[in-house]
Amino acid sequence: MTAITQEGHSPASLRRAPLIGPDGTYTRNGQALAFVLGVIGLLFVPATLAAALLYTRAETLFATEPEEARRLVSWSWIALMIVPVLGIVTGLIALVVSVL
């Protein structure tokens, strides 16, 4: 016989979040994803700071060295975009692994 919760649902009929076990804790894949995303989050702040410094330096160079300034602006955009791209790729990999 299946136990019924206070809301009238049996535990088997309750929908659970992906990467969360039946007891409410992270699965092994959930723990790995949380760790990876935490590390990526720690990288985001320094990358943003680096991008701001590169762009600030580029602004001072536009009048005298436009090619160098454009290169610094490109690097500032790379610094801003690498962390979100890594996060998306990591999330997609984790999703595929959790489905398999």
PDB file of N, CA and C in Angstrom:
ATOM      1  N   MET A   1       0.845  -1.172   0.000  1.00  0.00           N
ATOM      2  CA  MET A   1       0.000   0.000   0.000  1.00  0.00           C
ATOM      3  C   MET A   1       0.895   1.243   0.000  1.00  0.00           C
ATOM      4  N   THR A   2       0.519   2.266  -0.760  1.00  0.00           N
ATOM      5  CA  THR A   2       1.303   3.486  -0.902  1.00  0.00           C
ATOM      6  C   THR A   2       0.874   4.509   0.144  1.00  0.00           C
ATOM      7  N   ALA A   3       1.872   5.156   0.761  1.00  0.00           N
ATOM      8  CA  ALA A   3       1.574   6.198   1.747  1.00  0.00           C
ATOM      9  C   ALA A   3       1.043   7.438   1.028  1.00  0.00           C
ATOM     10  N   ILE A   4       0.156   8.157   1.716  1.00  0.00           N
ATOM     11  CA  ILE A   4      -0.423   9.378   1.169  1.00  0.00           C
ATOM     12  C   ILE A   4       0.070  10.558   1.995  1.00  0.00           C
ATOM     13  N   THR A   5       0.499  11.649   1.328  1.00  0.00           N
ATOM     14  CA  THR A   5       0.955  12.842   2.036  1.00  0.00           C
ATOM     15  C   THR A   5      -0.241  13.653   2.504  1.00  0.00           C
ATOM     16  N   GLN A   6       0.014  14.711   3.269  1.00  0.00           N
ATOM     17  CA  GLN A   6      -1.066  15.562   3.770  1.00  0.00           C
ATOM     18  C   GLN A   6      -1.842  16.212   2.632  1.00  0.00           C
ATOM     19  N   GLU A   7      -1.188  16.473   1.519  1.00  0.00           N
ATOM     20  CA  GLU A   7      -1.856  17.098   0.378  1.00  0.00           C
ATOM     21  C   GLU A   7      -2.690  16.097  -0.416  1.00  0.00           C
ATOM     22  N   GLY A   8      -2.607  14.823  -0.101  1.00  0.00           N
ATOM     23  CA  GLY A   8      -3.397  13.817  -0.788  1.00  0.00           C
ATOM     24  C   GLY A   8      -2.682  13.164  -1.966  1.00  0.00           C
ATOM     25  N   HIS A   9      -1.403  13.411  -2.108  1.00  0.00           N
ATOM     26  CA  HIS A   9      -0.634  12.815  -3.204  1.00  0.00           C
ATOM     27  C   HIS A   9       0.230  11.693  -2.660  1.00  0.00           C
ATOM     28  N   SER A  10       0.401  10.672  -3.465  1.00  0.00           N
ATOM     29  CA  SER A  10       1.346   9.641  -3.069  1.00  0.00           C
ATOM     30  C   SER A  10       2.744  10.104  -3.460  1.00  0.00           C
ATOM     31  N   PRO A  11       3.788   9.719  -2.731  1.00  0.00           N
ATOM     32  CA  PRO A  11       5.151  10.153  -3.057  1.00  0.00           C
ATOM     33  C   PRO A  11       5.568   9.818  -4.485  1.00  0.00           C
ATOM     34  N   ALA A  12       5.077   8.716  -5.018  1.00  0.00           N
ATOM     35  CA  ALA A  12       5.455   8.320  -6.377  1.00  0.00           C
ATOM     36  C   ALA A  12       4.887   9.290  -7.411  1.00  0.00           C
ATOM     37  N   SER A  13       3.766   9.936  -7.101  1.00  0.00           N
ATOM     38  CA  SER A  13       3.151  10.827  -8.077  1.00  0.00           C
ATOM     39  C   SER A  13       3.723  12.241  -8.015  1.00  0.00           C
ATOM     40  N   LEU A  14       4.517  12.539  -6.989  1.00  0.00           N
ATOM     41  CA  LEU A  14       5.101  13.873  -6.887  1.00  0.00           C
ATOM     42  C   LEU A  14       6.223  14.023  -7.901  1.00  0.00           C
ATOM     43  N   ARG A  15       6.215  15.121  -8.593  1.00  0.00           N
ATOM     44  CA  ARG A  15       7.254  15.375  -9.584  1.00  0.00           C
ATOM     45  C   ARG A  15       8.455  15.994  -8.877  1.00  0.00           C
ATOM     46  N   ARG A  16       9.636  15.487  -9.161  1.00  0.00           N
ATOM     47  CA  ARG A  16      10.829  16.024  -8.509  1.00  0.00           C
ATOM     48  C   ARG A  16      11.709  16.733  -9.522  1.00  0.00           C
ATOM     49  N   ALA A  17      12.506  17.649  -9.018  1.00  0.00           N
ATOM     50  CA  ALA A  17      13.397  18.422  -9.882  1.00  0.00           C
ATOM     51  C   ALA A  17      14.509  17.528 -10.408  1.00  0.00           C
ATOM     52  N   PRO A  18      15.025  17.853 -11.619  1.00  0.00           N
ATOM     53  CA  PRO A  18      16.153  17.081 -12.125  1.00  0.00           C
ATOM     54  C   PRO A  18      17.376  17.281 -11.237  1.00  0.00           C
ATOM     55  N   LEU A  19      18.180  16.264 -11.116  1.00  0.00           N
ATOM     56  CA  LEU A  19      19.413  16.270 -10.334  1.00  0.00           C
ATOM     57  C   LEU A  19      19.162  16.299  -8.830  1.00  0.00           C
ATOM     58  N   ILE A  20      17.916  16.090  -8.417  1.00  0.00           N
ATOM     59  CA  ILE A  20      17.562  15.999  -7.000  1.00  0.00           C
ATOM     60  C   ILE A  20      17.023  14.596  -6.751  1.00  0.00           C
ATOM     61  N   GLY A  21      17.556  13.947  -5.724  1.00  0.00           N
ATOM     62  CA  GLY A  21      17.133  12.589  -5.420  1.00  0.00           C
ATOM     63  C   GLY A  21      15.769  12.549  -4.757  1.00  0.00           C
ATOM     64  N   PRO A  22      15.216  11.352  -4.555  1.00  0.00           N
ATOM     65  CA  PRO A  22      13.888  11.222  -3.947  1.00  0.00           C
ATOM     66  C   PRO A  22      13.851  11.718  -2.498  1.00  0.00           C
ATOM     67  N   ASP A  23      15.003  11.742  -1.834  1.00  0.00           N
ATOM     68  CA  ASP A  23      15.036  12.225  -0.457  1.00  0.00           C
ATOM     69  C   ASP A  23      15.301  13.726  -0.368  1.00  0.00           C
ATOM     70  N   GLY A  24      15.391  14.417  -1.520  1.00  0.00           N
ATOM     71  CA  GLY A  24      15.565  15.862  -1.527  1.00  0.00           C
ATOM     72  C   GLY A  24      17.008  16.321  -1.575  1.00  0.00           C
ATOM     73  N   THR A  25      17.966  15.409  -1.607  1.00  0.00           N
ATOM     74  CA  THR A  25      19.371  15.794  -1.684  1.00  0.00           C
ATOM     75  C   THR A  25      19.832  15.742  -3.136  1.00  0.00           C
ATOM     76  N   TYR A  26      20.966  16.373  -3.411  1.00  0.00           N
ATOM     77  CA  TYR A  26      21.528  16.322  -4.758  1.00  0.00           C
ATOM     78  C   TYR A  26      21.943  14.898  -5.102  1.00  0.00           C
ATOM     79  N   THR A  27      21.724  14.537  -6.356  1.00  0.00           N
ATOM     80  CA  THR A  27      22.282  13.291  -6.857  1.00  0.00           C
ATOM     81  C   THR A  27      23.769  13.524  -7.112  1.00  0.00           C
ATOM     82  N   ARG A  28      24.487  12.475  -7.488  1.00  0.00           N
ATOM     83  CA  ARG A  28      25.918  12.640  -7.775  1.00  0.00           C
ATOM     84  C   ARG A  28      26.123  13.647  -8.915  1.00  0.00           C
ATOM     85  N   ASN A  29      25.310  13.543  -9.965  1.00  0.00           N
ATOM     86  CA  ASN A  29      25.400  14.497 -11.068  1.00  0.00           C
ATOM     87  C   ASN A  29      25.024  15.905 -10.615  1.00  0.00           C
ATOM     88  N   GLY A  30      24.053  16.022  -9.734  1.00  0.00           N
ATOM     89  CA  GLY A  30      23.663  17.323  -9.203  1.00  0.00           C
ATOM     90  C   GLY A  30      24.777  17.958  -8.401  1.00  0.00           C
ATOM     91  N   GLN A  31      25.477  17.157  -7.613  1.00  0.00           N
ATOM     92  CA  GLN A  31      26.618  17.672  -6.849  1.00  0.00           C
ATOM     93  C   GLN A  31      27.715  18.156  -7.788  1.00  0.00           C
ATOM     94  N   ALA A  32      27.991  17.395  -8.830  1.00  0.00           N
ATOM     95  CA  ALA A  32      29.037  17.780  -9.781  1.00  0.00           C
ATOM     96  C   ALA A  32      28.657  19.079 -10.493  1.00  0.00           C
ATOM     97  N   LEU A  33      27.397  19.190 -10.920  1.00  0.00           N
ATOM     98  CA  LEU A  33      26.950  20.402 -11.602  1.00  0.00           C
ATOM     99  C   LEU A  33      27.004  21.607 -10.664  1.00  0.00           C
ATOM    100  N   ALA A  34      26.583  21.440  -9.416  1.00  0.00           N
ATOM    101  CA  ALA A  34      26.641  22.542  -8.455  1.00  0.00           C
ATOM    102  C   ALA A  34      28.085  22.995  -8.237  1.00  0.00           C
ATOM    103  N   PHE A  35      29.006  22.054  -8.155  1.00  0.00           N
ATOM    104  CA  PHE A  35      30.410  22.400  -7.986  1.00  0.00           C
ATOM    105  C   PHE A  35      30.941  23.174  -9.190  1.00  0.00           C
ATOM    106  N   VAL A  36      30.672  22.655 -10.389  1.00  0.00           N
ATOM    107  CA  VAL A  36      31.177  23.297 -11.606  1.00  0.00           C
ATOM    108  C   VAL A  36      30.588  24.696 -11.758  1.00  0.00           C
ATOM    109  N   LEU A  37      29.292  24.849 -11.549  1.00  0.00           N
ATOM    110  CA  LEU A  37      28.674  26.159 -11.679  1.00  0.00           C
ATOM    111  C   LEU A  37      29.158  27.121 -10.598  1.00  0.00           C
ATOM    112  N   GLY A  38      29.463  26.608  -9.398  1.00  0.00           N
ATOM    113  CA  GLY A  38      30.039  27.447  -8.352  1.00  0.00           C
ATOM    114  C   GLY A  38      31.408  27.965  -8.737  1.00  0.00           C
ATOM    115  N   VAL A  39      32.215  27.107  -9.326  1.00  0.00           N
ATOM    116  CA  VAL A  39      33.546  27.533  -9.780  1.00  0.00           C
ATOM    117  C   VAL A  39      33.418  28.560 -10.898  1.00  0.00           C
ATOM    118  N   ILE A  40      32.497  28.334 -11.819  1.00  0.00           N
ATOM    119  CA  ILE A  40      32.279  29.294 -12.902  1.00  0.00           C
ATOM    120  C   ILE A  40      31.820  30.635 -12.331  1.00  0.00           C
ATOM    121  N   GLY A  41      30.964  30.600 -11.326  1.00  0.00           N
ATOM    122  CA  GLY A  41      30.525  31.839 -10.685  1.00  0.00           C
ATOM    123  C   GLY A  41      31.670  32.596 -10.050  1.00  0.00           C
ATOM    124  N   LEU A  42      32.606  31.870  -9.469  1.00  0.00           N
ATOM    125  CA  LEU A  42      33.774  32.522  -8.876  1.00  0.00           C
ATOM    126  C   LEU A  42      34.671  33.147  -9.934  1.00  0.00           C
ATOM    127  N   LEU A  43      34.654  32.603 -11.140  1.00  0.00           N
ATOM    128  CA  LEU A  43      35.467  33.153 -12.228  1.00  0.00           C
ATOM    129  C   LEU A  43      34.828  34.386 -12.853  1.00  0.00           C
ATOM    130  N   PHE A  44      33.504  34.532 -12.730  1.00  0.00           N
ATOM    131  CA  PHE A  44      32.792  35.601 -13.425  1.00  0.00           C
ATOM    132  C   PHE A  44      33.198  36.986 -12.926  1.00  0.00           C
ATOM    133  N   VAL A  45      33.353  37.167 -11.624  1.00  0.00           N
ATOM    134  CA  VAL A  45      33.690  38.484 -11.078  1.00  0.00           C
ATOM    135  C   VAL A  45      35.063  38.951 -11.567  1.00  0.00           C
ATOM    136  N   PRO A  46      36.107  38.129 -11.467  1.00  0.00           N
ATOM    137  CA  PRO A  46      37.401  38.589 -11.995  1.00  0.00           C
ATOM    138  C   PRO A  46      37.377  38.842 -13.506  1.00  0.00           C
ATOM    139  N   ALA A  47      36.633  38.045 -14.257  1.00  0.00           N
ATOM    140  CA  ALA A  47      36.552  38.253 -15.707  1.00  0.00           C
ATOM    141  C   ALA A  47      35.884  39.590 -16.010  1.00  0.00           C
ATOM    142  N   THR A  48      34.872  39.950 -15.253  1.00  0.00           N
ATOM    143  CA  THR A  48      34.200  41.230 -15.439  1.00  0.00           C
ATOM    144  C   THR A  48      35.139  42.380 -15.106  1.00  0.00           C
ATOM    145  N   LEU A  49      35.895  42.236 -14.044  1.00  0.00           N
ATOM    146  CA  LEU A  49      36.870  43.256 -13.670  1.00  0.00           C
ATOM    147  C   LEU A  49      37.936  43.410 -14.766  1.00  0.00           C
ATOM    148  N   ALA A  50      38.428  42.312 -15.284  1.00  0.00           N
ATOM    149  CA  ALA A  50      39.422  42.361 -16.364  1.00  0.00           C
ATOM    150  C   ALA A  50      38.839  43.058 -17.595  1.00  0.00           C
ATOM    151  N   ALA A  51      37.592  42.745 -17.932  1.00  0.00           N
ATOM    152  CA  ALA A  51      36.952  43.378 -19.088  1.00  0.00           C
ATOM    153  C   ALA A  51      36.829  44.878 -18.886  1.00  0.00           C
ATOM    154  N   ALA A  52      36.461  45.299 -17.685  1.00  0.00           N
ATOM    155  CA  ALA A  52      36.335  46.733 -17.412  1.00  0.00           C
ATOM    156  C   ALA A  52      37.688  47.437 -17.524  1.00  0.00           C
ATOM    157  N   LEU A  53      38.729  46.814 -17.011  1.00  0.00           N
ATOM    158  CA  LEU A  53      40.063  47.415 -17.103  1.00  0.00           C
ATOM    159  C   LEU A  53      40.547  47.500 -18.554  1.00  0.00           C
ATOM    160  N   LEU A  54      40.304  46.451 -19.316  1.00  0.00           N
ATOM    161  CA  LEU A  54      40.704  46.465 -20.728  1.00  0.00           C
ATOM    162  C   LEU A  54      39.971  47.555 -21.504  1.00  0.00           C
ATOM    163  N   TYR A  55      38.681  47.685 -21.258  1.00  0.00           N
ATOM    164  CA  TYR A  55      37.910  48.679 -21.990  1.00  0.00           C
ATOM    165  C   TYR A  55      38.305  50.094 -21.574  1.00  0.00           C
ATOM    166  N   THR A  56      38.568  50.293 -20.288  1.00  0.00           N
ATOM    167  CA  THR A  56      39.005  51.605 -19.812  1.00  0.00           C
ATOM    168  C   THR A  56      40.321  51.995 -20.471  1.00  0.00           C
ATOM    169  N   ARG A  57      41.235  51.066 -20.554  1.00  0.00           N
ATOM    170  CA  ARG A  57      42.515  51.329 -21.214  1.00  0.00           C
ATOM    171  C   ARG A  57      42.304  51.619 -22.702  1.00  0.00           C
ATOM    172  N   ALA A  58      41.373  50.900 -23.329  1.00  0.00           N
ATOM    173  CA  ALA A  58      41.089  51.106 -24.751  1.00  0.00           C
ATOM    174  C   ALA A  58      40.556  52.518 -24.997  1.00  0.00           C
ATOM    175  N   GLU A  59      39.731  53.027 -24.100  1.00  0.00           N
ATOM    176  CA  GLU A  59      39.186  54.373 -24.274  1.00  0.00           C
ATOM    177  C   GLU A  59      40.287  55.425 -24.321  1.00  0.00           C
ATOM    178  N   THR A  60      41.337  55.221 -23.537  1.00  0.00           N
ATOM    179  CA  THR A  60      42.424  56.203 -23.535  1.00  0.00           C
ATOM    180  C   THR A  60      43.293  56.092 -24.782  1.00  0.00           C
ATOM    181  N   LEU A  61      43.245  54.959 -25.474  1.00  0.00           N
ATOM    182  CA  LEU A  61      44.098  54.745 -26.650  1.00  0.00           C
ATOM    183  C   LEU A  61      43.432  55.071 -27.980  1.00  0.00           C
ATOM    184  N   PHE A  62      42.109  55.253 -27.996  1.00  0.00           N
ATOM    185  CA  PHE A  62      41.423  55.437 -29.278  1.00  0.00           C
ATOM    186  C   PHE A  62      41.961  56.620 -30.079  1.00  0.00           C
ATOM    187  N   ALA A  63      42.334  57.711 -29.440  1.00  0.00           N
ATOM    188  CA  ALA A  63      42.810  58.890 -30.171  1.00  0.00           C
ATOM    189  C   ALA A  63      44.188  58.670 -30.789  1.00  0.00           C
ATOM    190  N   THR A  64      45.056  57.938 -30.080  1.00  0.00           N
ATOM    191  CA  THR A  64      46.438  57.802 -30.541  1.00  0.00           C
ATOM    192  C   THR A  64      46.741  56.477 -31.229  1.00  0.00           C
ATOM    193  N   GLU A  65      46.141  55.388 -30.753  1.00  0.00           N
ATOM    194  CA  GLU A  65      46.408  54.060 -31.310  1.00  0.00           C
ATOM    195  C   GLU A  65      45.092  53.295 -31.511  1.00  0.00           C
ATOM    196  N   PRO A  66      44.357  53.633 -32.558  1.00  0.00           N
ATOM    197  CA  PRO A  66      43.030  53.020 -32.734  1.00  0.00           C
ATOM    198  C   PRO A  66      43.056  51.501 -32.917  1.00  0.00           C
ATOM    199  N   GLU A  67      44.074  50.975 -33.578  1.00  0.00           N
ATOM    200  CA  GLU A  67      44.137  49.518 -33.777  1.00  0.00           C
ATOM    201  C   GLU A  67      44.340  48.796 -32.445  1.00  0.00           C
ATOM    202  N   GLU A  68      45.231  49.300 -31.615  1.00  0.00           N
ATOM    203  CA  GLU A  68      45.458  48.709 -30.288  1.00  0.00           C
ATOM    204  C   GLU A  68      44.198  48.814 -29.438  1.00  0.00           C
ATOM    205  N   ALA A  69      43.513  49.944 -29.539  1.00  0.00           N
ATOM    206  CA  ALA A  69      42.280  50.137 -28.772  1.00  0.00           C
ATOM    207  C   ALA A  69      41.215  49.130 -29.210  1.00  0.00           C
ATOM    208  N   ARG A  70      41.079  48.913 -30.501  1.00  0.00           N
ATOM    209  CA  ARG A  70      40.098  47.935 -30.998  1.00  0.00           C
ATOM    210  C   ARG A  70      40.440  46.529 -30.515  1.00  0.00           C
ATOM    211  N   ARG A  71      41.721  46.220 -30.492  1.00  0.00           N
ATOM    212  CA  ARG A  71      42.145  44.902 -29.991  1.00  0.00           C
ATOM    213  C   ARG A  71      41.784  44.740 -28.519  1.00  0.00           C
ATOM    214  N   LEU A  72      41.992  45.787 -27.721  1.00  0.00           N
ATOM    215  CA  LEU A  72      41.648  45.716 -26.295  1.00  0.00           C
ATOM    216  C   LEU A  72      40.142  45.586 -26.086  1.00  0.00           C
ATOM    217  N   VAL A  73      39.358  46.276 -26.909  1.00  0.00           N
ATOM    218  CA  VAL A  73      37.902  46.148 -26.811  1.00  0.00           C
ATOM    219  C   VAL A  73      37.480  44.723 -27.144  1.00  0.00           C
ATOM    220  N   SER A  74      38.087  44.124 -28.159  1.00  0.00           N
ATOM    221  CA  SER A  74      37.772  42.728 -28.500  1.00  0.00           C
ATOM    222  C   SER A  74      38.082  41.798 -27.331  1.00  0.00           C
ATOM    223  N   TRP A  75      39.234  42.010 -26.700  1.00  0.00           N
ATOM    224  CA  TRP A  75      39.588  41.171 -25.555  1.00  0.00           C
ATOM    225  C   TRP A  75      38.646  41.403 -24.375  1.00  0.00           C
ATOM    226  N   SER A  76      38.160  42.617 -24.214  1.00  0.00           N
ATOM    227  CA  SER A  76      37.222  42.863 -23.114  1.00  0.00           C
ATOM    228  C   SER A  76      35.919  42.096 -23.345  1.00  0.00           C
ATOM    229  N   TRP A  77      35.454  42.036 -24.601  1.00  0.00           N
ATOM    230  CA  TRP A  77      34.254  41.270 -24.906  1.00  0.00           C
ATOM    231  C   TRP A  77      34.491  39.772 -24.722  1.00  0.00           C
ATOM    232  N   ILE A  78      35.660  39.316 -25.083  1.00  0.00           N
ATOM    233  CA  ILE A  78      35.991  37.897 -24.879  1.00  0.00           C
ATOM    234  C   ILE A  78      35.973  37.576 -23.388  1.00  0.00           C
ATOM    235  N   ALA A  79      36.553  38.465 -22.574  1.00  0.00           N
ATOM    236  CA  ALA A  79      36.567  38.240 -21.122  1.00  0.00           C
ATOM    237  C   ALA A  79      35.151  38.186 -20.553  1.00  0.00           C
ATOM    238  N   LEU A  80      34.251  39.007 -21.092  1.00  0.00           N
ATOM    239  CA  LEU A  80      32.863  39.002 -20.611  1.00  0.00           C
ATOM    240  C   LEU A  80      32.092  37.769 -21.060  1.00  0.00           C
ATOM    241  N   MET A  81      32.370  37.279 -22.259  1.00  0.00           N
ATOM    242  CA  MET A  81      31.545  36.215 -22.833  1.00  0.00           C
ATOM    243  C   MET A  81      32.031  34.810 -22.540  1.00  0.00           C
ATOM    244  N   ILE A  82      33.277  34.636 -22.136  1.00  0.00           N
ATOM    245  CA  ILE A  82      33.789  33.276 -21.968  1.00  0.00           C
ATOM    246  C   ILE A  82      33.104  32.550 -20.813  1.00  0.00           C
ATOM    247  N   VAL A  83      32.822  33.248 -19.719  1.00  0.00           N
ATOM    248  CA  VAL A  83      32.205  32.579 -18.576  1.00  0.00           C
ATOM    249  C   VAL A  83      30.759  32.158 -18.873  1.00  0.00           C
ATOM    250  N   PRO A  84      29.899  33.031 -19.433  1.00  0.00           N
ATOM    251  CA  PRO A  84      28.555  32.555 -19.779  1.00  0.00           C
ATOM    252  C   PRO A  84      28.550  31.411 -20.793  1.00  0.00           C
ATOM    253  N   VAL A  85      29.451  31.465 -21.758  1.00  0.00           N
ATOM    254  CA  VAL A  85      29.518  30.381 -22.747  1.00  0.00           C
ATOM    255  C   VAL A  85      29.915  29.073 -22.058  1.00  0.00           C
ATOM    256  N   LEU A  86      30.906  29.134 -21.161  1.00  0.00           N
ATOM    257  CA  LEU A  86      31.290  27.930 -20.416  1.00  0.00           C
ATOM    258  C   LEU A  86      30.132  27.415 -19.570  1.00  0.00           C
ATOM    259  N   GLY A  87      29.377  28.329 -18.981  1.00  0.00           N
ATOM    260  CA  GLY A  87      28.218  27.923 -18.184  1.00  0.00           C
ATOM    261  C   GLY A  87      27.161  27.229 -19.013  1.00  0.00           C
ATOM    262  N   ILE A  88      26.892  27.757 -20.199  1.00  0.00           N
ATOM    263  CA  ILE A  88      25.893  27.144 -21.077  1.00  0.00           C
ATOM    264  C   ILE A  88      26.354  25.759 -21.527  1.00  0.00           C
ATOM    265  N   VAL A  89      27.601  25.656 -21.933  1.00  0.00           N
ATOM    266  CA  VAL A  89      28.136  24.363 -22.375  1.00  0.00           C
ATOM    267  C   VAL A  89      28.098  23.353 -21.232  1.00  0.00           C
ATOM    268  N   THR A  90      28.518  23.774 -20.041  1.00  0.00           N
ATOM    269  CA  THR A  90      28.507  22.883 -18.882  1.00  0.00           C
ATOM    270  C   THR A  90      27.083  22.447 -18.544  1.00  0.00           C
ATOM    271  N   GLY A  91      26.149  23.389 -18.598  1.00  0.00           N
ATOM    272  CA  GLY A  91      24.754  23.052 -18.327  1.00  0.00           C
ATOM    273  C   GLY A  91      24.178  22.061 -19.328  1.00  0.00           C
ATOM    274  N   LEU A  92      24.510  22.261 -20.593  1.00  0.00           N
ATOM    275  CA  LEU A  92      24.035  21.331 -21.623  1.00  0.00           C
ATOM    276  C   LEU A  92      24.630  19.945 -21.442  1.00  0.00           C
ATOM    277  N   ILE A  93      25.905  19.884 -21.105  1.00  0.00           N
ATOM    278  CA  ILE A  93      26.546  18.588 -20.868  1.00  0.00           C
ATOM    279  C   ILE A  93      25.897  17.898 -19.671  1.00  0.00           C
ATOM    280  N   ALA A  94      25.670  18.651 -18.604  1.00  0.00           N
ATOM    281  CA  ALA A  94      25.039  18.073 -17.416  1.00  0.00           C
ATOM    282  C   ALA A  94      23.624  17.595 -17.720  1.00  0.00           C
ATOM    283  N   LEU A  95      22.903  18.339 -18.524  1.00  0.00           N
ATOM    284  CA  LEU A  95      21.546  17.932 -18.890  1.00  0.00           C
ATOM    285  C   LEU A  95      21.564  16.632 -19.678  1.00  0.00           C
ATOM    286  N   VAL A  96      22.475  16.530 -20.627  1.00  0.00           N
ATOM    287  CA  VAL A  96      22.578  15.311 -21.424  1.00  0.00           C
ATOM    288  C   VAL A  96      22.968  14.133 -20.536  1.00  0.00           C
ATOM    289  N   VAL A  97      23.928  14.346 -19.635  1.00  0.00           N
ATOM    290  CA  VAL A  97      24.368  13.268 -18.751  1.00  0.00           C
ATOM    291  C   VAL A  97      23.241  12.838 -17.807  1.00  0.00           C
ATOM    292  N   SER A  98      22.463  13.805 -17.314  1.00  0.00           N
ATOM    293  CA  SER A  98      21.381  13.451 -16.378  1.00  0.00           C
ATOM    294  C   SER A  98      20.251  12.705 -17.074  1.00  0.00           C
ATOM    295  N   VAL A  99      20.049  12.955 -18.359  1.00  0.00           N
ATOM    296  CA  VAL A  99      19.000  12.264 -19.109  1.00  0.00           C
ATOM    297  C   VAL A  99      19.409  10.844 -19.424  1.00  0.00           C
ATOM    298  N   LEU A 100      20.706  10.649 -19.685  1.00  0.00           N
ATOM    299  CA  LEU A 100      21.196   9.318 -20.026  1.00  0.00           C
ATOM    300  C   LEU A 100      21.215   8.514 -18.797  1.00  0.00           C
TER     301      LEU A 100
END
